[in-house]
């Protein structure tokens, strides 16, 4: 990592207030400037509905068994949008100890009911015990169960080992990339590519 990159990451850490989700949002919006694509917070269903009813309708998921046409709001940390069209739901997790199973569950629902891709962004805080760090993802040759689950049920996992979010990681330690596990700096280009695909889909199927 060169000095310029280190300074830029530190700037985003400060601007994010030490929140990983906000760090990712700032990075993506910087990288997507001029494309017409924005990355917004998706945790508040009301704020999405107030922003755009059609966006809310595309992101909320129907309850098939309710019989009353009700929709449920998913586990949406961030969402990349272009106009009123959602492109990608971005689940942001410091580690997998929290709600990784929720991410997998909602990814399956979005995949079966919509055209919206679901990805995970993480610094890989690690399977840490006191003063130690071990990547949660293993390697392509020796994957952890979580790596195998992500490979089966997520579009991709994007990692950036930012020091401030990886408390016990030593300088010579890092997440082993490959396959489903990719660097965070590849996500902006993927979002741009998916935005073309999703625009075609909504044009072809205007009723959703």
Protein backbone atom coordinates (compact mmCIF):
# COMPACT_ATOMS: atom_id res chain seq x y z
CA UNK A 1 0.00 0.00 0.00
CA UNK A 2 1.58 3.27 -1.06
CA UNK A 3 1.63 6.45 1.07
CA UNK A 4 -1.06 8.21 -0.95
CA UNK A 5 -3.43 5.29 -0.51
CA UNK A 6 -2.71 5.10 3.22
CA UNK A 7 -3.52 8.80 3.62
CA UNK A 8 -6.73 8.44 1.63
CA UNK A 9 -7.87 5.52 3.73
CA UNK A 10 -7.09 7.41 6.92
CA UNK A 11 -9.10 10.38 5.64
CA UNK A 12 -12.11 8.16 5.05
CA UNK A 13 -11.76 6.54 8.48
CA UNK A 14 -11.88 10.00 10.07
CA UNK A 15 -14.79 11.15 7.90
CA UNK A 16 -16.72 7.96 8.63
CA UNK A 17 -16.51 8.45 12.37
CA UNK A 18 -14.99 5.00 12.68
CA UNK A 19 -18.05 3.30 11.17
CA UNK A 20 -17.27 0.64 8.54
CA UNK A 21 -20.58 1.07 6.73
CA UNK A 22 -19.97 4.80 6.32
CA UNK A 23 -16.37 4.17 5.24
CA UNK A 24 -17.64 1.93 2.42
CA UNK A 25 -20.32 4.42 1.40
CA UNK A 26 -17.81 7.28 1.19
CA UNK A 27 -15.37 5.18 -0.82
CA UNK A 28 -17.98 4.01 -3.32
CA UNK A 29 -19.48 7.45 -3.86
CA UNK A 30 -16.01 8.92 -4.44
CA UNK A 31 -15.28 6.17 -6.97
CA UNK A 32 -18.66 6.43 -8.72
CA UNK A 33 -18.71 10.21 -9.06
CA UNK A 34 -19.95 11.30 -12.49
CA UNK A 35 -21.68 7.99 -13.30
CA UNK A 36 -25.15 8.90 -12.05
CA UNK A 37 -24.89 6.06 -9.53
CA UNK A 38 -25.23 6.80 -5.81
CA UNK A 39 -24.76 4.61 -2.77
CA UNK A 40 -27.24 5.42 0.00
CA UNK A 41 -28.08 4.07 3.43
CA UNK A 42 -30.85 1.50 3.31
CA UNK A 43 -31.42 0.69 6.97
CA UNK A 44 -34.38 3.06 7.27
CA UNK A 45 -37.37 1.86 5.28
CA UNK A 46 -39.16 5.18 5.83
CA UNK A 47 -36.29 7.24 4.43
CA UNK A 48 -36.27 5.12 1.25
CA UNK A 49 -40.04 5.41 0.91
CA UNK A 50 -39.83 9.18 1.36
CA UNK A 51 -37.07 9.38 -1.22
CA UNK A 52 -38.92 7.36 -3.86
CA UNK A 53 -41.98 5.13 -3.60
CA UNK A 54 -40.95 3.21 -6.73
CA UNK A 55 -37.49 2.55 -5.23
CA UNK A 56 -39.14 1.27 -2.05
CA UNK A 57 -41.40 -1.01 -4.08
CA UNK A 58 -38.42 -2.51 -5.92
CA UNK A 59 -36.45 -3.09 -2.69
CA UNK A 60 -39.23 -4.37 -0.43
CA UNK A 61 -40.00 -8.06 -0.70
CA UNK A 62 -43.51 -9.55 -0.90
CA UNK A 63 -44.73 -11.92 1.77
CA UNK A 64 -46.14 -14.73 -0.34
CA UNK A 65 -48.18 -16.33 2.42
CA UNK A 66 -49.66 -13.19 3.98
CA UNK A 67 -52.67 -13.04 1.68
CA UNK A 68 -52.92 -9.28 2.21
CA UNK A 69 -50.25 -8.08 -0.18
CA UNK A 70 -47.83 -7.00 2.52
CA UNK A 71 -44.12 -6.40 1.88
CA UNK A 72 -41.18 -6.78 4.25
CA UNK A 73 -38.02 -4.67 4.42
CA UNK A 74 -34.80 -6.67 4.18
CA UNK A 75 -31.36 -6.43 5.76
CA UNK A 76 -30.13 -3.47 3.68
CA UNK A 77 -27.08 -1.62 5.02
CA UNK A 78 -26.28 0.20 1.76
CA UNK A 79 -27.82 0.14 -1.69
CA UNK A 80 -26.37 1.36 -4.99
CA UNK A 81 -29.02 3.08 -7.10
CA UNK A 82 -29.29 4.83 -10.43
CA UNK A 83 -32.30 7.10 -10.50
CA UNK A 84 -35.06 5.06 -8.89
CA UNK A 85 -33.53 1.71 -9.87
CA UNK A 86 -31.66 -0.37 -7.25
CA UNK A 87 -28.53 -2.07 -8.56
CA UNK A 88 -26.81 -3.74 -5.63
CA UNK A 89 -27.51 -4.31 -1.95
CA UNK A 90 -24.26 -4.04 0.01
CA UNK A 91 -24.19 -5.77 3.38
CA UNK A 92 -21.45 -4.27 5.59
CA UNK A 93 -20.05 -6.42 8.39
CA UNK A 94 -16.92 -5.89 10.48
CA UNK A 95 -16.84 -9.60 11.18
CA UNK A 96 -19.04 -12.63 10.64
CA UNK A 97 -19.87 -13.14 14.31
CA UNK A 98 -22.91 -10.89 13.99
CA UNK A 99 -25.43 -11.33 11.21
CA UNK A 100 -23.76 -13.24 8.39
CA UNK A 101 -26.59 -15.78 8.30
CA UNK A 102 -29.03 -12.89 7.87
CA UNK A 103 -27.00 -11.64 4.89
CA UNK A 104 -27.16 -15.08 3.31
CA UNK A 105 -30.90 -15.37 3.98
CA UNK A 106 -31.74 -12.00 2.43
CA UNK A 107 -29.41 -12.68 -0.49
CA UNK A 108 -31.41 -15.81 -1.29
CA UNK A 109 -34.68 -13.87 -1.11
CA UNK A 110 -33.43 -11.02 -3.30
CA UNK A 111 -32.04 -13.53 -5.80
CA UNK A 112 -35.30 -15.47 -6.03
CA UNK A 113 -37.68 -12.48 -6.06
CA UNK A 114 -35.77 -9.64 -7.76
CA UNK A 115 -32.90 -8.88 -10.14
CA UNK A 116 -30.91 -7.13 -7.40
CA UNK A 117 -27.49 -8.55 -6.56
CA UNK A 118 -26.34 -8.84 -2.92
CA UNK A 119 -22.69 -8.51 -1.92
CA UNK A 120 -20.78 -8.33 1.35
CA UNK A 121 -18.17 -5.68 2.19
CA UNK A 122 -15.91 -6.38 5.16
CA UNK A 123 -12.48 -5.41 6.55
CA UNK A 124 -12.18 -8.99 7.87
CA UNK A 125 -11.83 -8.11 11.54
CA UNK A 126 -10.89 -11.74 11.99
CA UNK A 127 -11.56 -14.61 14.29
CA UNK A 128 -9.78 -12.80 17.05
CA UNK A 129 -8.92 -13.97 20.44
CA UNK A 130 -6.95 -11.74 22.77
CA UNK A 131 -4.13 -10.05 20.84
CA UNK A 132 -4.44 -12.37 17.85
CA UNK A 133 -6.01 -12.29 14.37
CA UNK A 134 -6.98 -15.02 11.96
CA UNK A 135 -8.85 -14.38 8.73
CA UNK A 136 -12.44 -15.56 8.70
CA UNK A 137 -12.17 -16.69 5.10
CA UNK A 138 -9.31 -19.18 4.92
CA UNK A 139 -7.86 -19.62 1.43
CA UNK A 140 -9.10 -20.85 -1.95
CA UNK A 141 -7.31 -24.15 -1.26
CA UNK A 142 -8.51 -24.40 2.34
CA UNK A 143 -11.72 -22.39 2.59
CA UNK A 144 -13.63 -21.86 5.81
CA UNK A 145 -17.30 -22.78 5.98
CA UNK A 146 -18.13 -19.07 5.64
CA UNK A 147 -16.13 -18.82 2.41
CA UNK A 148 -18.01 -21.81 1.00
CA UNK A 149 -21.37 -20.35 2.03
CA UNK A 150 -20.51 -16.99 0.45
CA UNK A 151 -19.41 -18.78 -2.70
CA UNK A 152 -22.80 -20.48 -2.91
CA UNK A 153 -25.17 -17.68 -1.92
CA UNK A 154 -23.57 -14.25 -2.49
CA UNK A 155 -22.57 -12.44 -5.64
CA UNK A 156 -19.18 -11.57 -4.14
CA UNK A 157 -17.34 -10.60 -0.95
CA UNK A 158 -15.20 -7.45 -1.06
CA UNK A 159 -12.42 -6.99 1.49
CA UNK A 160 -10.17 -4.13 2.50
CA UNK A 161 -7.95 -4.77 5.53
CA UNK A 162 -8.13 -1.26 6.96
CA UNK A 163 -5.96 -1.16 10.08
CA UNK A 164 -8.47 0.75 12.20
CA UNK A 165 -11.12 -1.92 11.66
CA UNK A 166 -8.79 -4.91 12.14
CA UNK A 167 -7.74 -4.44 15.74
CA UNK A 168 -5.44 -7.44 16.15
CA UNK A 169 -4.08 -7.86 12.62
CA UNK A 170 -0.31 -7.58 12.28
CA UNK A 171 1.23 -5.72 9.29
CA UNK A 172 2.33 -8.93 7.58
CA UNK A 173 -1.13 -10.51 7.85
CA UNK A 174 -3.87 -10.13 5.26
CA UNK A 175 -6.98 -11.75 3.87
CA UNK A 176 -6.20 -14.27 1.14
CA UNK A 177 -8.06 -13.10 -1.95
CA UNK A 178 -9.26 -15.28 -4.80
CA UNK A 179 -12.51 -16.61 -6.17
CA UNK A 180 -15.47 -15.14 -4.30
CA UNK A 181 -13.16 -13.02 -2.06
CA UNK A 182 -12.11 -9.89 -3.92
CA UNK A 183 -10.55 -6.50 -3.12
CA UNK A 184 -12.93 -3.66 -2.31
CA UNK A 185 -11.47 -1.55 -5.12
CA UNK A 186 -13.10 -3.88 -7.67
CA UNK A 187 -16.62 -3.16 -6.41
CA UNK A 188 -17.11 0.24 -8.15
CA UNK A 189 -16.43 -1.24 -11.60
CA UNK A 190 -18.74 -4.16 -10.87
CA UNK A 191 -21.52 -1.78 -9.82
CA UNK A 192 -21.08 0.16 -13.07
CA UNK A 193 -21.33 -3.06 -15.07
CA UNK A 194 -24.37 -4.27 -13.15
CA UNK A 195 -26.07 -0.89 -13.60
CA UNK A 196 -26.11 -1.48 -17.36
CA UNK A 197 -27.60 -4.94 -16.90
CA UNK A 198 -30.24 -3.75 -14.44
CA UNK A 199 -31.24 -0.82 -16.65
CA UNK A 200 -31.85 -3.23 -19.52
CA UNK A 201 -33.86 -5.51 -17.23
CA UNK A 202 -36.14 -2.74 -15.98
CA UNK A 203 -36.62 -1.47 -19.53
CA UNK A 204 -37.54 -4.92 -20.76
CA UNK A 205 -39.71 -5.75 -17.77
CA UNK A 206 -41.26 -2.44 -16.68
CA UNK A 207 -43.67 -4.10 -14.26
CA UNK A 208 -40.77 -5.35 -12.08
